[in-house]
Amino acid sequence: MKLLKGILAYYKPLFLWSITINLIVLIISQSFVLTILTKLFVVILFGLLLKDFSVRRRIGFYKMVGVSNVKLLCFLFLIDCSVSLVFIFLIKGFA
């Protein structure tokens, strides 16, 4: 539970960026595949950012709860995809 709390605490500030990316993808195309690929691309870019020492030092609090970089990226991707798909289903339901 401590692991999940640490990851969710880290995801909270990224939520606004996720919704912004969802809106941009929805304007371009309402494809689920494009949304997942976009999220995967963003997670890969974030993974590359984590290799930079100064970035890791600024956001390193997730290490205090025992989360590795791979676990963080995987959980962020899964959470973000879940939120994105729910968001797209809601938008398509009202459109």
N, C-alpha and C. Protein backbone atom coordinates (compact mmCIF):
# COMPACT_ATOMS: atom_id res chain seq x y z
N MET A 1 0.82 -1.19 0.00
CA MET A 1 0.00 0.00 0.00
C MET A 1 0.87 1.26 0.00
N LYS A 2 1.99 1.18 0.71
CA LYS A 2 2.92 2.30 0.77
C LYS A 2 3.49 2.59 -0.63
N LEU A 3 3.72 1.52 -1.38
CA LEU A 3 4.23 1.64 -2.74
C LEU A 3 3.23 2.37 -3.63
N LEU A 4 1.98 1.97 -3.55
CA LEU A 4 0.94 2.59 -4.36
C LEU A 4 0.73 4.05 -3.97
N LYS A 5 0.78 4.36 -2.68
CA LYS A 5 0.64 5.75 -2.23
C LYS A 5 1.76 6.62 -2.78
N GLY A 6 2.97 6.08 -2.77
CA GLY A 6 4.11 6.83 -3.30
C GLY A 6 3.98 7.11 -4.78
N ILE A 7 3.51 6.12 -5.53
CA ILE A 7 3.34 6.29 -6.97
C ILE A 7 2.20 7.27 -7.26
N LEU A 8 1.09 7.14 -6.54
CA LEU A 8 -0.04 8.05 -6.77
C LEU A 8 0.30 9.48 -6.37
N ALA A 9 1.10 9.63 -5.32
CA ALA A 9 1.54 10.98 -4.93
C ALA A 9 2.40 11.59 -6.03
N TYR A 10 3.15 10.75 -6.72
CA TYR A 10 3.97 11.25 -7.82
C TYR A 10 3.12 11.53 -9.05
N TYR A 11 2.06 10.74 -9.26
CA TYR A 11 1.22 10.89 -10.45
C TYR A 11 0.32 12.11 -10.36
N LYS A 12 -0.02 12.53 -9.17
CA LYS A 12 -0.98 13.63 -8.99
C LYS A 12 -0.57 14.89 -9.77
N PRO A 13 0.67 15.38 -9.68
CA PRO A 13 1.02 16.58 -10.46
C PRO A 13 1.06 16.32 -11.98
N LEU A 14 1.24 15.07 -12.39
CA LEU A 14 1.29 14.74 -13.81
C LEU A 14 -0.09 14.58 -14.42
N PHE A 15 -1.13 14.56 -13.60
CA PHE A 15 -2.49 14.33 -14.07
C PHE A 15 -2.94 15.41 -15.05
N LEU A 16 -2.63 16.65 -14.79
CA LEU A 16 -3.02 17.74 -15.69
C LEU A 16 -2.36 17.59 -17.06
N TRP A 17 -1.09 17.17 -17.07
CA TRP A 17 -0.41 16.94 -18.33
C TRP A 17 -1.06 15.80 -19.09
N SER A 18 -1.47 14.78 -18.38
CA SER A 18 -2.12 13.64 -19.00
C SER A 18 -3.43 14.05 -19.67
N ILE A 19 -4.23 14.84 -18.99
CA ILE A 19 -5.50 15.30 -19.55
C ILE A 19 -5.24 16.19 -20.77
N THR A 20 -4.22 17.03 -20.71
CA THR A 20 -3.87 17.89 -21.85
C THR A 20 -3.49 17.05 -23.06
N ILE A 21 -2.68 16.02 -22.86
CA ILE A 21 -2.29 15.13 -23.95
C ILE A 21 -3.51 14.41 -24.50
N ASN A 22 -4.41 13.98 -23.61
CA ASN A 22 -5.65 13.33 -24.06
C ASN A 22 -6.46 14.24 -24.95
N LEU A 23 -6.60 15.50 -24.57
CA LEU A 23 -7.37 16.44 -25.38
C LEU A 23 -6.74 16.66 -26.75
N ILE A 24 -5.43 16.77 -26.78
CA ILE A 24 -4.73 16.95 -28.06
C ILE A 24 -4.92 15.74 -28.96
N VAL A 25 -4.80 14.54 -28.39
CA VAL A 25 -4.99 13.32 -29.18
C VAL A 25 -6.43 13.21 -29.65
N LEU A 26 -7.39 13.62 -28.80
CA LEU A 26 -8.80 13.57 -29.21
C LEU A 26 -9.10 14.55 -30.34
N ILE A 27 -8.44 15.69 -30.34
CA ILE A 27 -8.64 16.65 -31.43
C ILE A 27 -8.08 16.09 -32.73
N ILE A 28 -6.93 15.45 -32.66
CA ILE A 28 -6.31 14.88 -33.86
C ILE A 28 -7.07 13.65 -34.34
N SER A 29 -7.30 12.71 -33.44
CA SER A 29 -7.96 11.46 -33.80
C SER A 29 -8.53 10.83 -32.54
N GLN A 30 -9.67 10.18 -32.64
CA GLN A 30 -10.27 9.55 -31.48
C GLN A 30 -9.92 8.07 -31.41
N SER A 31 -8.68 7.76 -31.66
CA SER A 31 -8.22 6.38 -31.71
C SER A 31 -7.64 5.95 -30.36
N PHE A 32 -8.05 4.77 -29.90
CA PHE A 32 -7.49 4.23 -28.66
C PHE A 32 -6.02 3.87 -28.84
N VAL A 33 -5.70 3.33 -30.00
CA VAL A 33 -4.32 2.91 -30.27
C VAL A 33 -3.39 4.12 -30.27
N LEU A 34 -3.81 5.20 -30.90
CA LEU A 34 -2.98 6.41 -30.92
C LEU A 34 -2.78 6.96 -29.51
N THR A 35 -3.81 6.88 -28.69
CA THR A 35 -3.69 7.35 -27.31
C THR A 35 -2.68 6.52 -26.53
N ILE A 36 -2.77 5.20 -26.65
CA ILE A 36 -1.84 4.32 -25.93
C ILE A 36 -0.42 4.52 -26.43
N LEU A 37 -0.25 4.65 -27.75
CA LEU A 37 1.09 4.87 -28.29
C LEU A 37 1.67 6.21 -27.85
N THR A 38 0.81 7.22 -27.77
CA THR A 38 1.27 8.53 -27.29
C THR A 38 1.71 8.44 -25.84
N LYS A 39 0.93 7.74 -25.02
CA LYS A 39 1.28 7.58 -23.60
C LYS A 39 2.58 6.79 -23.46
N LEU A 40 2.76 5.76 -24.28
CA LEU A 40 3.99 4.98 -24.24
C LEU A 40 5.19 5.84 -24.62
N PHE A 41 5.02 6.68 -25.63
CA PHE A 41 6.09 7.60 -26.04
C PHE A 41 6.45 8.56 -24.90
N VAL A 42 5.44 9.09 -24.23
CA VAL A 42 5.69 10.02 -23.12
C VAL A 42 6.39 9.31 -21.97
N VAL A 43 6.01 8.07 -21.68
CA VAL A 43 6.66 7.32 -20.60
C VAL A 43 8.11 7.02 -20.96
N ILE A 44 8.38 6.72 -22.22
CA ILE A 44 9.76 6.47 -22.65
C ILE A 44 10.59 7.75 -22.51
N LEU A 45 10.02 8.89 -22.90
CA LEU A 45 10.73 10.16 -22.72
C LEU A 45 10.99 10.44 -21.24
N PHE A 46 10.00 10.15 -20.40
CA PHE A 46 10.17 10.34 -18.97
C PHE A 46 11.25 9.40 -18.42
N GLY A 47 11.31 8.19 -18.94
CA GLY A 47 12.36 7.25 -18.54
C GLY A 47 13.74 7.76 -18.90
N LEU A 48 13.85 8.38 -20.06
CA LEU A 48 15.13 8.97 -20.45
C LEU A 48 15.49 10.15 -19.55
N LEU A 49 14.46 10.90 -19.13
CA LEU A 49 14.70 12.01 -18.21
C LEU A 49 15.21 11.52 -16.86
N LEU A 50 14.71 10.36 -16.42
CA LEU A 50 15.12 9.81 -15.13
C LEU A 50 16.59 9.40 -15.10
N LYS A 51 17.19 9.23 -16.26
CA LYS A 51 18.61 8.89 -16.30
C LYS A 51 19.50 10.08 -15.94
N ASP A 52 18.96 11.29 -16.06
CA ASP A 52 19.70 12.49 -15.71
C ASP A 52 19.74 12.63 -14.19
N PHE A 53 20.93 12.79 -13.64
CA PHE A 53 21.10 12.81 -12.19
C PHE A 53 20.38 13.98 -11.53
N SER A 54 20.43 15.16 -12.14
CA SER A 54 19.79 16.33 -11.52
C SER A 54 18.27 16.16 -11.46
N VAL A 55 17.69 15.52 -12.47
CA VAL A 55 16.25 15.27 -12.45
C VAL A 55 15.91 14.25 -11.37
N ARG A 56 16.71 13.19 -11.29
CA ARG A 56 16.46 12.17 -10.26
C ARG A 56 16.58 12.75 -8.86
N ARG A 57 17.49 13.67 -8.66
CA ARG A 57 17.66 14.26 -7.34
C ARG A 57 16.45 15.12 -6.97
N ARG A 58 15.88 15.84 -7.95
CA ARG A 58 14.72 16.69 -7.67
C ARG A 58 13.47 15.88 -7.39
N ILE A 59 13.30 14.75 -8.08
CA ILE A 59 12.07 13.97 -7.92
C ILE A 59 12.34 12.65 -7.19
N GLY A 60 13.41 12.59 -6.46
CA GLY A 60 13.84 11.34 -5.85
C GLY A 60 13.06 10.87 -4.65
N PHE A 61 12.00 11.57 -4.25
CA PHE A 61 11.28 11.14 -3.06
C PHE A 61 10.62 9.79 -3.25
N TYR A 62 10.33 9.40 -4.50
CA TYR A 62 9.71 8.10 -4.71
C TYR A 62 10.67 6.96 -4.36
N LYS A 63 11.96 7.23 -4.37
CA LYS A 63 12.95 6.23 -3.97
C LYS A 63 12.85 5.93 -2.47
N MET A 64 12.38 6.91 -1.70
CA MET A 64 12.28 6.73 -0.26
C MET A 64 11.25 5.66 0.11
N VAL A 65 10.26 5.44 -0.73
CA VAL A 65 9.25 4.41 -0.43
C VAL A 65 9.58 3.09 -1.11
N GLY A 66 10.73 3.00 -1.72
CA GLY A 66 11.18 1.73 -2.28
C GLY A 66 10.72 1.45 -3.70
N VAL A 67 10.49 2.47 -4.49
CA VAL A 67 10.04 2.28 -5.87
C VAL A 67 11.23 2.43 -6.80
N SER A 68 11.45 1.41 -7.62
CA SER A 68 12.53 1.51 -8.60
C SER A 68 12.04 2.30 -9.81
N ASN A 69 12.97 2.68 -10.65
CA ASN A 69 12.61 3.45 -11.85
C ASN A 69 11.68 2.64 -12.76
N VAL A 70 11.96 1.35 -12.92
CA VAL A 70 11.14 0.52 -13.80
C VAL A 70 9.73 0.37 -13.24
N LYS A 71 9.62 0.13 -11.93
CA LYS A 71 8.29 0.02 -11.32
C LYS A 71 7.52 1.33 -11.46
N LEU A 72 8.20 2.43 -11.24
CA LEU A 72 7.55 3.73 -11.36
C LEU A 72 7.02 3.94 -12.76
N LEU A 73 7.83 3.68 -13.76
CA LEU A 73 7.41 3.89 -15.14
C LEU A 73 6.28 2.95 -15.54
N CYS A 74 6.37 1.70 -15.11
CA CYS A 74 5.30 0.74 -15.45
C CYS A 74 3.98 1.12 -14.80
N PHE A 75 4.02 1.44 -13.52
CA PHE A 75 2.79 1.83 -12.83
C PHE A 75 2.22 3.14 -13.37
N LEU A 76 3.09 4.10 -13.67
CA LEU A 76 2.61 5.35 -14.25
C LEU A 76 1.94 5.11 -15.60
N PHE A 77 2.53 4.23 -16.40
CA PHE A 77 1.94 3.91 -17.70
C PHE A 77 0.58 3.25 -17.54
N LEU A 78 0.48 2.29 -16.63
CA LEU A 78 -0.79 1.59 -16.42
C LEU A 78 -1.87 2.53 -15.88
N ILE A 79 -1.51 3.35 -14.91
CA ILE A 79 -2.47 4.30 -14.35
C ILE A 79 -2.90 5.31 -15.41
N ASP A 80 -1.93 5.81 -16.15
CA ASP A 80 -2.22 6.82 -17.16
C ASP A 80 -3.08 6.25 -18.29
N CYS A 81 -2.80 5.03 -18.71
CA CYS A 81 -3.62 4.40 -19.75
C CYS A 81 -5.05 4.18 -19.25
N SER A 82 -5.18 3.76 -18.01
CA SER A 82 -6.53 3.56 -17.45
C SER A 82 -7.31 4.86 -17.43
N VAL A 83 -6.68 5.92 -16.93
CA VAL A 83 -7.34 7.22 -16.89
C VAL A 83 -7.66 7.71 -18.30
N SER A 84 -6.75 7.51 -19.21
CA SER A 84 -6.96 7.97 -20.59
C SER A 84 -8.11 7.24 -21.26
N LEU A 85 -8.17 5.93 -21.09
CA LEU A 85 -9.24 5.17 -21.73
C LEU A 85 -10.60 5.52 -21.14
N VAL A 86 -10.67 5.71 -19.84
CA VAL A 86 -11.93 6.14 -19.22
C VAL A 86 -12.33 7.51 -19.77
N PHE A 87 -11.37 8.40 -19.88
CA PHE A 87 -11.62 9.74 -20.41
C PHE A 87 -12.15 9.67 -21.84
N ILE A 88 -11.53 8.85 -22.67
CA ILE A 88 -11.95 8.72 -24.07
C ILE A 88 -13.35 8.10 -24.16
N PHE A 89 -13.61 7.07 -23.34
CA PHE A 89 -14.96 6.47 -23.32
C PHE A 89 -16.01 7.49 -22.93
N LEU A 90 -15.69 8.34 -21.97
CA LEU A 90 -16.65 9.37 -21.55
C LEU A 90 -16.89 10.39 -22.67
N ILE A 91 -15.83 10.82 -23.33
CA ILE A 91 -15.97 11.79 -24.41
C ILE A 91 -16.75 11.19 -25.57
N LYS A 92 -16.44 9.94 -25.93
CA LYS A 92 -17.15 9.30 -27.04
C LYS A 92 -18.60 9.03 -26.67
N GLY A 93 -18.88 8.80 -25.40
CA GLY A 93 -20.24 8.56 -24.95
C GLY A 93 -21.13 9.77 -25.08
N PHE A 94 -20.56 10.95 -24.87
CA PHE A 94 -21.34 12.18 -24.95
C PHE A 94 -21.32 12.80 -26.34
N ALA A 95 -20.44 12.33 -27.20
CA ALA A 95 -20.34 12.91 -28.55
C ALA A 95 -21.24 12.22 -29.54
